[in-house]
Amino acid sequence: METLLMILNEIDDGIAWEKEQKLIDDHLLDSFGIITLISELETAFDIEIKAAEMVPANFNSVAAMYRMITRLQER
């Protein structure tokens, strides 16, 4: 979780990442931020985030992202 929060803070340190529940729905993460985030997550966690995983439900909160990362690491 610490690595995820570090990556998110590098993207935008003005967002209260752990409190937000609608990062995508409320447009706190724009398309460039999402692309950057996906690339960083793939590198940091040695995972592949396929197009089918790129849905708001997986990116609306830190908890959702962490669940996705954990699930993809188990594959």
PDB file of N, CA and C in Angstrom:
ATOM      1  N   MET A   1       0.823  -1.189   0.000  1.00  0.00           N
ATOM      2  CA  MET A   1       0.000   0.000   0.000  1.00  0.00           C
ATOM      3  C   MET A   1       0.872   1.261   0.000  1.00  0.00           C
ATOM      4  N   GLU A   2       1.983   1.201   0.712  1.00  0.00           N
ATOM      5  CA  GLU A   2       2.878   2.355   0.795  1.00  0.00           C
ATOM      6  C   GLU A   2       3.426   2.745  -0.574  1.00  0.00           C
ATOM      7  N   THR A   3       3.804   1.752  -1.368  1.00  0.00           N
ATOM      8  CA  THR A   3       4.320   2.015  -2.711  1.00  0.00           C
ATOM      9  C   THR A   3       3.237   2.639  -3.579  1.00  0.00           C
ATOM     10  N   LEU A   4       2.023   2.135  -3.477  1.00  0.00           N
ATOM     11  CA  LEU A   4       0.901   2.683  -4.242  1.00  0.00           C
ATOM     12  C   LEU A   4       0.684   4.149  -3.887  1.00  0.00           C
ATOM     13  N   LEU A   5       0.665   4.469  -2.608  1.00  0.00           N
ATOM     14  CA  LEU A   5       0.464   5.857  -2.183  1.00  0.00           C
ATOM     15  C   LEU A   5       1.606   6.758  -2.629  1.00  0.00           C
ATOM     16  N   MET A   6       2.817   6.243  -2.629  1.00  0.00           N
ATOM     17  CA  MET A   6       3.960   7.022  -3.099  1.00  0.00           C
ATOM     18  C   MET A   6       3.798   7.360  -4.583  1.00  0.00           C
ATOM     19  N   ILE A   7       3.390   6.381  -5.377  1.00  0.00           N
ATOM     20  CA  ILE A   7       3.170   6.598  -6.809  1.00  0.00           C
ATOM     21  C   ILE A   7       2.069   7.628  -7.022  1.00  0.00           C
ATOM     22  N   LEU A   8       0.971   7.490  -6.297  1.00  0.00           N
ATOM     23  CA  LEU A   8      -0.147   8.420  -6.446  1.00  0.00           C
ATOM     24  C   LEU A   8       0.253   9.839  -6.049  1.00  0.00           C
ATOM     25  N   ASN A   9       1.028   9.981  -4.990  1.00  0.00           N
ATOM     26  CA  ASN A   9       1.473  11.305  -4.564  1.00  0.00           C
ATOM     27  C   ASN A   9       2.440  11.944  -5.559  1.00  0.00           C
ATOM     28  N   GLU A  10       3.189  11.113  -6.282  1.00  0.00           N
ATOM     29  CA  GLU A  10       4.064  11.640  -7.332  1.00  0.00           C
ATOM     30  C   GLU A  10       3.239  12.184  -8.491  1.00  0.00           C
ATOM     31  N   ILE A  11       2.098  11.568  -8.744  1.00  0.00           N
ATOM     32  CA  ILE A  11       1.214  12.023  -9.822  1.00  0.00           C
ATOM     33  C   ILE A  11       0.539  13.330  -9.430  1.00  0.00           C
ATOM     34  N   ASP A  12       0.031  13.406  -8.189  1.00  0.00           N
ATOM     35  CA  ASP A  12      -0.618  14.631  -7.705  1.00  0.00           C
ATOM     36  C   ASP A  12      -0.644  14.596  -6.186  1.00  0.00           C
ATOM     37  N   ASP A  13       0.191  15.424  -5.569  1.00  0.00           N
ATOM     38  CA  ASP A  13       0.264  15.413  -4.106  1.00  0.00           C
ATOM     39  C   ASP A  13      -0.808  16.285  -3.448  1.00  0.00           C
ATOM     40  N   GLY A  14      -1.710  16.840  -4.246  1.00  0.00           N
ATOM     41  CA  GLY A  14      -2.776  17.667  -3.717  1.00  0.00           C
ATOM     42  C   GLY A  14      -4.078  16.916  -3.487  1.00  0.00           C
ATOM     43  N   ILE A  15      -4.088  15.632  -3.762  1.00  0.00           N
ATOM     44  CA  ILE A  15      -5.301  14.821  -3.595  1.00  0.00           C
ATOM     45  C   ILE A  15      -5.167  13.988  -2.320  1.00  0.00           C
ATOM     46  N   ALA A  16      -6.225  13.940  -1.542  1.00  0.00           N
ATOM     47  CA  ALA A  16      -6.264  13.098  -0.338  1.00  0.00           C
ATOM     48  C   ALA A  16      -6.618  11.680  -0.791  1.00  0.00           C
ATOM     49  N   TRP A  17      -5.644  10.987  -1.319  1.00  0.00           N
ATOM     50  CA  TRP A  17      -5.847   9.701  -1.977  1.00  0.00           C
ATOM     51  C   TRP A  17      -6.610   8.692  -1.125  1.00  0.00           C
ATOM     52  N   GLU A  18      -6.274   8.587   0.144  1.00  0.00           N
ATOM     53  CA  GLU A  18      -6.891   7.562   0.986  1.00  0.00           C
ATOM     54  C   GLU A  18      -8.350   7.875   1.318  1.00  0.00           C
ATOM     55  N   LYS A  19      -8.762   9.106   1.166  1.00  0.00           N
ATOM     56  CA  LYS A  19     -10.139   9.500   1.493  1.00  0.00           C
ATOM     57  C   LYS A  19     -11.068   9.451   0.293  1.00  0.00           C
ATOM     58  N   GLU A  20     -10.543   9.651  -0.905  1.00  0.00           N
ATOM     59  CA  GLU A  20     -11.378   9.738  -2.102  1.00  0.00           C
ATOM     60  C   GLU A  20     -11.922   8.371  -2.507  1.00  0.00           C
ATOM     61  N   GLN A  21     -13.189   8.349  -2.900  1.00  0.00           N
ATOM     62  CA  GLN A  21     -13.849   7.117  -3.322  1.00  0.00           C
ATOM     63  C   GLN A  21     -14.321   7.170  -4.774  1.00  0.00           C
ATOM     64  N   LYS A  22     -14.143   8.333  -5.412  1.00  0.00           N
ATOM     65  CA  LYS A  22     -14.602   8.509  -6.794  1.00  0.00           C
ATOM     66  C   LYS A  22     -13.540   9.244  -7.610  1.00  0.00           C
ATOM     67  N   LEU A  23     -12.345   8.717  -7.601  1.00  0.00           N
ATOM     68  CA  LEU A  23     -11.237   9.370  -8.296  1.00  0.00           C
ATOM     69  C   LEU A  23     -11.507   9.534  -9.787  1.00  0.00           C
ATOM     70  N   ILE A  24     -12.095   8.532 -10.392  1.00  0.00           N
ATOM     71  CA  ILE A  24     -12.411   8.590 -11.822  1.00  0.00           C
ATOM     72  C   ILE A  24     -13.727   9.336 -12.031  1.00  0.00           C
ATOM     73  N   ASP A  25     -14.749   8.939 -11.289  1.00  0.00           N
ATOM     74  CA  ASP A  25     -16.073   9.531 -11.460  1.00  0.00           C
ATOM     75  C   ASP A  25     -16.079  11.041 -11.226  1.00  0.00           C
ATOM     76  N   ASP A  26     -15.267  11.511 -10.273  1.00  0.00           N
ATOM     77  CA  ASP A  26     -15.187  12.943  -9.984  1.00  0.00           C
ATOM     78  C   ASP A  26     -14.079  13.642 -10.771  1.00  0.00           C
ATOM     79  N   HIS A  27     -13.464  12.929 -11.701  1.00  0.00           N
ATOM     80  CA  HIS A  27     -12.434  13.472 -12.599  1.00  0.00           C
ATOM     81  C   HIS A  27     -11.202  14.009 -11.862  1.00  0.00           C
ATOM     82  N   LEU A  28     -10.873  13.397 -10.734  1.00  0.00           N
ATOM     83  CA  LEU A  28      -9.651  13.774 -10.029  1.00  0.00           C
ATOM     84  C   LEU A  28      -8.430  13.206 -10.736  1.00  0.00           C
ATOM     85  N   LEU A  29      -8.621  12.076 -11.393  1.00  0.00           N
ATOM     86  CA  LEU A  29      -7.576  11.497 -12.244  1.00  0.00           C
ATOM     87  C   LEU A  29      -7.991  11.705 -13.689  1.00  0.00           C
ATOM     88  N   ASP A  30      -7.184  12.442 -14.437  1.00  0.00           N
ATOM     89  CA  ASP A  30      -7.504  12.637 -15.850  1.00  0.00           C
ATOM     90  C   ASP A  30      -6.853  11.528 -16.676  1.00  0.00           C
ATOM     91  N   SER A  31      -7.083  11.553 -17.970  1.00  0.00           N
ATOM     92  CA  SER A  31      -6.588  10.471 -18.828  1.00  0.00           C
ATOM     93  C   SER A  31      -5.063  10.366 -18.791  1.00  0.00           C
ATOM     94  N   PHE A  32      -4.368  11.487 -18.767  1.00  0.00           N
ATOM     95  CA  PHE A  32      -2.906  11.447 -18.691  1.00  0.00           C
ATOM     96  C   PHE A  32      -2.468  10.847 -17.356  1.00  0.00           C
ATOM     97  N   GLY A  33      -3.135  11.224 -16.274  1.00  0.00           N
ATOM     98  CA  GLY A  33      -2.813  10.677 -14.960  1.00  0.00           C
ATOM     99  C   GLY A  33      -3.032   9.182 -14.901  1.00  0.00           C
ATOM    100  N   ILE A  34      -4.088   8.721 -15.529  1.00  0.00           N
ATOM    101  CA  ILE A  34      -4.388   7.285 -15.535  1.00  0.00           C
ATOM    102  C   ILE A  34      -3.339   6.510 -16.319  1.00  0.00           C
ATOM    103  N   ILE A  35      -2.956   7.038 -17.467  1.00  0.00           N
ATOM    104  CA  ILE A  35      -1.929   6.378 -18.280  1.00  0.00           C
ATOM    105  C   ILE A  35      -0.610   6.318 -17.516  1.00  0.00           C
ATOM    106  N   THR A  36      -0.253   7.420 -16.887  1.00  0.00           N
ATOM    107  CA  THR A  36       0.964   7.459 -16.071  1.00  0.00           C
ATOM    108  C   THR A  36       0.869   6.466 -14.926  1.00  0.00           C
ATOM    109  N   LEU A  37      -0.268   6.454 -14.252  1.00  0.00           N
ATOM    110  CA  LEU A  37      -0.484   5.557 -13.124  1.00  0.00           C
ATOM    111  C   LEU A  37      -0.358   4.098 -13.543  1.00  0.00           C
ATOM    112  N   ILE A  38      -0.983   3.726 -14.627  1.00  0.00           N
ATOM    113  CA  ILE A  38      -0.936   2.339 -15.091  1.00  0.00           C
ATOM    114  C   ILE A  38       0.502   1.920 -15.378  1.00  0.00           C
ATOM    115  N   SER A  39       1.233   2.761 -16.048  1.00  0.00           N
ATOM    116  CA  SER A  39       2.632   2.460 -16.350  1.00  0.00           C
ATOM    117  C   SER A  39       3.450   2.288 -15.072  1.00  0.00           C
ATOM    118  N   GLU A  40       3.260   3.187 -14.128  1.00  0.00           N
ATOM    119  CA  GLU A  40       3.992   3.111 -12.859  1.00  0.00           C
ATOM    120  C   GLU A  40       3.620   1.865 -12.060  1.00  0.00           C
ATOM    121  N   LEU A  41       2.331   1.538 -12.036  1.00  0.00           N
ATOM    122  CA  LEU A  41       1.887   0.347 -11.299  1.00  0.00           C
ATOM    123  C   LEU A  41       2.456  -0.921 -11.911  1.00  0.00           C
ATOM    124  N   GLU A  42       2.444  -1.003 -13.236  1.00  0.00           N
ATOM    125  CA  GLU A  42       2.980  -2.191 -13.905  1.00  0.00           C
ATOM    126  C   GLU A  42       4.452  -2.388 -13.569  1.00  0.00           C
ATOM    127  N   THR A  43       5.206  -1.305 -13.555  1.00  0.00           N
ATOM    128  CA  THR A  43       6.632  -1.389 -13.256  1.00  0.00           C
ATOM    129  C   THR A  43       6.873  -1.706 -11.782  1.00  0.00           C
ATOM    130  N   ALA A  44       6.228  -0.969 -10.900  1.00  0.00           N
ATOM    131  CA  ALA A  44       6.475  -1.115  -9.465  1.00  0.00           C
ATOM    132  C   ALA A  44       6.032  -2.465  -8.915  1.00  0.00           C
ATOM    133  N   PHE A  45       4.937  -3.004  -9.444  1.00  0.00           N
ATOM    134  CA  PHE A  45       4.373  -4.231  -8.885  1.00  0.00           C
ATOM    135  C   PHE A  45       4.562  -5.447  -9.792  1.00  0.00           C
ATOM    136  N   ASP A  46       5.272  -5.266 -10.912  1.00  0.00           N
ATOM    137  CA  ASP A  46       5.542  -6.354 -11.856  1.00  0.00           C
ATOM    138  C   ASP A  46       4.244  -7.058 -12.258  1.00  0.00           C
ATOM    139  N   ILE A  47       3.301  -6.242 -12.736  1.00  0.00           N
ATOM    140  CA  ILE A  47       2.002  -6.751 -13.189  1.00  0.00           C
ATOM    141  C   ILE A  47       1.725  -6.214 -14.591  1.00  0.00           C
ATOM    142  N   GLU A  48       0.727  -6.797 -15.235  1.00  0.00           N
ATOM    143  CA  GLU A  48       0.247  -6.295 -16.512  1.00  0.00           C
ATOM    144  C   GLU A  48      -1.224  -5.950 -16.336  1.00  0.00           C
ATOM    145  N   ILE A  49      -1.538  -4.679 -16.590  1.00  0.00           N
ATOM    146  CA  ILE A  49      -2.922  -4.221 -16.478  1.00  0.00           C
ATOM    147  C   ILE A  49      -3.483  -4.170 -17.892  1.00  0.00           C
ATOM    148  N   LYS A  50      -4.296  -5.164 -18.203  1.00  0.00           N
ATOM    149  CA  LYS A  50      -4.882  -5.260 -19.542  1.00  0.00           C
ATOM    150  C   LYS A  50      -6.072  -4.317 -19.658  1.00  0.00           C
ATOM    151  N   ALA A  51      -6.497  -4.092 -20.886  1.00  0.00           N
ATOM    152  CA  ALA A  51      -7.599  -3.166 -21.156  1.00  0.00           C
ATOM    153  C   ALA A  51      -8.858  -3.517 -20.361  1.00  0.00           C
ATOM    154  N   ALA A  52      -9.125  -4.784 -20.178  1.00  0.00           N
ATOM    155  CA  ALA A  52     -10.322  -5.208 -19.445  1.00  0.00           C
ATOM    156  C   ALA A  52     -10.297  -4.756 -17.984  1.00  0.00           C
ATOM    157  N   GLU A  53      -9.107  -4.510 -17.449  1.00  0.00           N
ATOM    158  CA  GLU A  53      -8.958  -4.052 -16.059  1.00  0.00           C
ATOM    159  C   GLU A  53      -9.100  -2.531 -15.937  1.00  0.00           C
ATOM    160  N   MET A  54      -9.042  -1.835 -17.050  1.00  0.00           N
ATOM    161  CA  MET A  54      -9.054  -0.374 -17.040  1.00  0.00           C
ATOM    162  C   MET A  54     -10.482   0.159 -16.997  1.00  0.00           C
ATOM    163  N   VAL A  55     -11.134  -0.108 -15.868  1.00  0.00           N
ATOM    164  CA  VAL A  55     -12.501   0.338 -15.641  1.00  0.00           C
ATOM    165  C   VAL A  55     -12.534   1.186 -14.370  1.00  0.00           C
ATOM    166  N   PRO A  56     -13.466   2.119 -14.274  1.00  0.00           N
ATOM    167  CA  PRO A  56     -13.529   2.983 -13.091  1.00  0.00           C
ATOM    168  C   PRO A  56     -13.552   2.223 -11.767  1.00  0.00           C
ATOM    169  N   ALA A  57     -14.219   1.095 -11.725  1.00  0.00           N
ATOM    170  CA  ALA A  57     -14.310   0.329 -10.477  1.00  0.00           C
ATOM    171  C   ALA A  57     -12.939  -0.046  -9.920  1.00  0.00           C
ATOM    172  N   ASN A  58     -11.947  -0.212 -10.783  1.00  0.00           N
ATOM    173  CA  ASN A  58     -10.598  -0.577 -10.340  1.00  0.00           C
ATOM    174  C   ASN A  58      -9.733   0.626  -9.984  1.00  0.00           C
ATOM    175  N   PHE A  59     -10.195   1.835 -10.289  1.00  0.00           N
ATOM    176  CA  PHE A  59      -9.366   3.023 -10.090  1.00  0.00           C
ATOM    177  C   PHE A  59     -10.050   4.144  -9.309  1.00  0.00           C
ATOM    178  N   ASN A  60     -11.265   3.933  -8.821  1.00  0.00           N
ATOM    179  CA  ASN A  60     -11.993   4.990  -8.119  1.00  0.00           C
ATOM    180  C   ASN A  60     -11.460   5.258  -6.715  1.00  0.00           C
ATOM    181  N   SER A  61     -10.740   4.302  -6.138  1.00  0.00           N
ATOM    182  CA  SER A  61     -10.198   4.502  -4.794  1.00  0.00           C
ATOM    183  C   SER A  61      -8.874   3.763  -4.648  1.00  0.00           C
ATOM    184  N   VAL A  62      -8.133   4.154  -3.634  1.00  0.00           N
ATOM    185  CA  VAL A  62      -6.869   3.477  -3.346  1.00  0.00           C
ATOM    186  C   VAL A  62      -7.134   2.006  -3.008  1.00  0.00           C
ATOM    187  N   ALA A  63      -8.189   1.757  -2.247  1.00  0.00           N
ATOM    188  CA  ALA A  63      -8.511   0.373  -1.870  1.00  0.00           C
ATOM    189  C   ALA A  63      -8.807  -0.470  -3.107  1.00  0.00           C
ATOM    190  N   ALA A  64      -9.546   0.094  -4.058  1.00  0.00           N
ATOM    191  CA  ALA A  64      -9.865  -0.644  -5.288  1.00  0.00           C
ATOM    192  C   ALA A  64      -8.600  -0.932  -6.089  1.00  0.00           C
ATOM    193  N   MET A  65      -7.718   0.051  -6.177  1.00  0.00           N
ATOM    194  CA  MET A  65      -6.456  -0.156  -6.903  1.00  0.00           C
ATOM    195  C   MET A  65      -5.631  -1.235  -6.223  1.00  0.00           C
ATOM    196  N   TYR A  66      -5.573  -1.197  -4.901  1.00  0.00           N
ATOM    197  CA  TYR A  66      -4.784  -2.173  -4.170  1.00  0.00           C
ATOM    198  C   TYR A  66      -5.343  -3.583  -4.351  1.00  0.00           C
ATOM    199  N   ARG A  67      -6.670  -3.709  -4.341  1.00  0.00           N
ATOM    200  CA  ARG A  67      -7.290  -5.027  -4.592  1.00  0.00           C
ATOM    201  C   ARG A  67      -6.933  -5.533  -5.990  1.00  0.00           C
ATOM    202  N   MET A  68      -6.979  -4.659  -6.983  1.00  0.00           N
ATOM    203  CA  MET A  68      -6.639  -5.044  -8.348  1.00  0.00           C
ATOM    204  C   MET A  68      -5.174  -5.484  -8.418  1.00  0.00           C
ATOM    205  N   ILE A  69      -4.294  -4.713  -7.825  1.00  0.00           N
ATOM    206  CA  ILE A  69      -2.864  -5.042  -7.834  1.00  0.00           C
ATOM    207  C   ILE A  69      -2.633  -6.408  -7.195  1.00  0.00           C
ATOM    208  N   THR A  70      -3.229  -6.623  -6.053  1.00  0.00           N
ATOM    209  CA  THR A  70      -3.071  -7.898  -5.334  1.00  0.00           C
ATOM    210  C   THR A  70      -3.567  -9.058  -6.182  1.00  0.00           C
ATOM    211  N   ARG A  71      -4.737  -8.865  -6.802  1.00  0.00           N
ATOM    212  CA  ARG A  71      -5.308  -9.925  -7.641  1.00  0.00           C
ATOM    213  C   ARG A  71      -4.405 -10.211  -8.836  1.00  0.00           C
ATOM    214  N   LEU A  72      -3.861  -9.174  -9.466  1.00  0.00           N
ATOM    215  CA  LEU A  72      -3.005  -9.376 -10.636  1.00  0.00           C
ATOM    216  C   LEU A  72      -1.657  -9.991 -10.271  1.00  0.00           C
ATOM    217  N   GLN A  73      -1.181  -9.728  -9.072  1.00  0.00           N
ATOM    218  CA  GLN A  73       0.083 -10.343  -8.625  1.00  0.00           C
ATOM    219  C   GLN A  73      -0.075 -11.836  -8.381  1.00  0.00           C
ATOM    220  N   GLU A  74      -1.282 -12.270  -8.100  1.00  0.00           N
ATOM    221  CA  GLU A  74      -1.526 -13.686  -7.819  1.00  0.00           C
ATOM    222  C   GLU A  74      -1.585 -14.525  -9.081  1.00  0.00           C
ATOM    223  N   ARG A  75      -1.677 -13.877 -10.212  1.00  0.00           N
ATOM    224  CA  ARG A  75      -1.766 -14.631 -11.494  1.00  0.00           C
ATOM    225  C   ARG A  75      -0.434 -15.146 -11.920  1.00  0.00           C
TER     226      ARG A  75
END
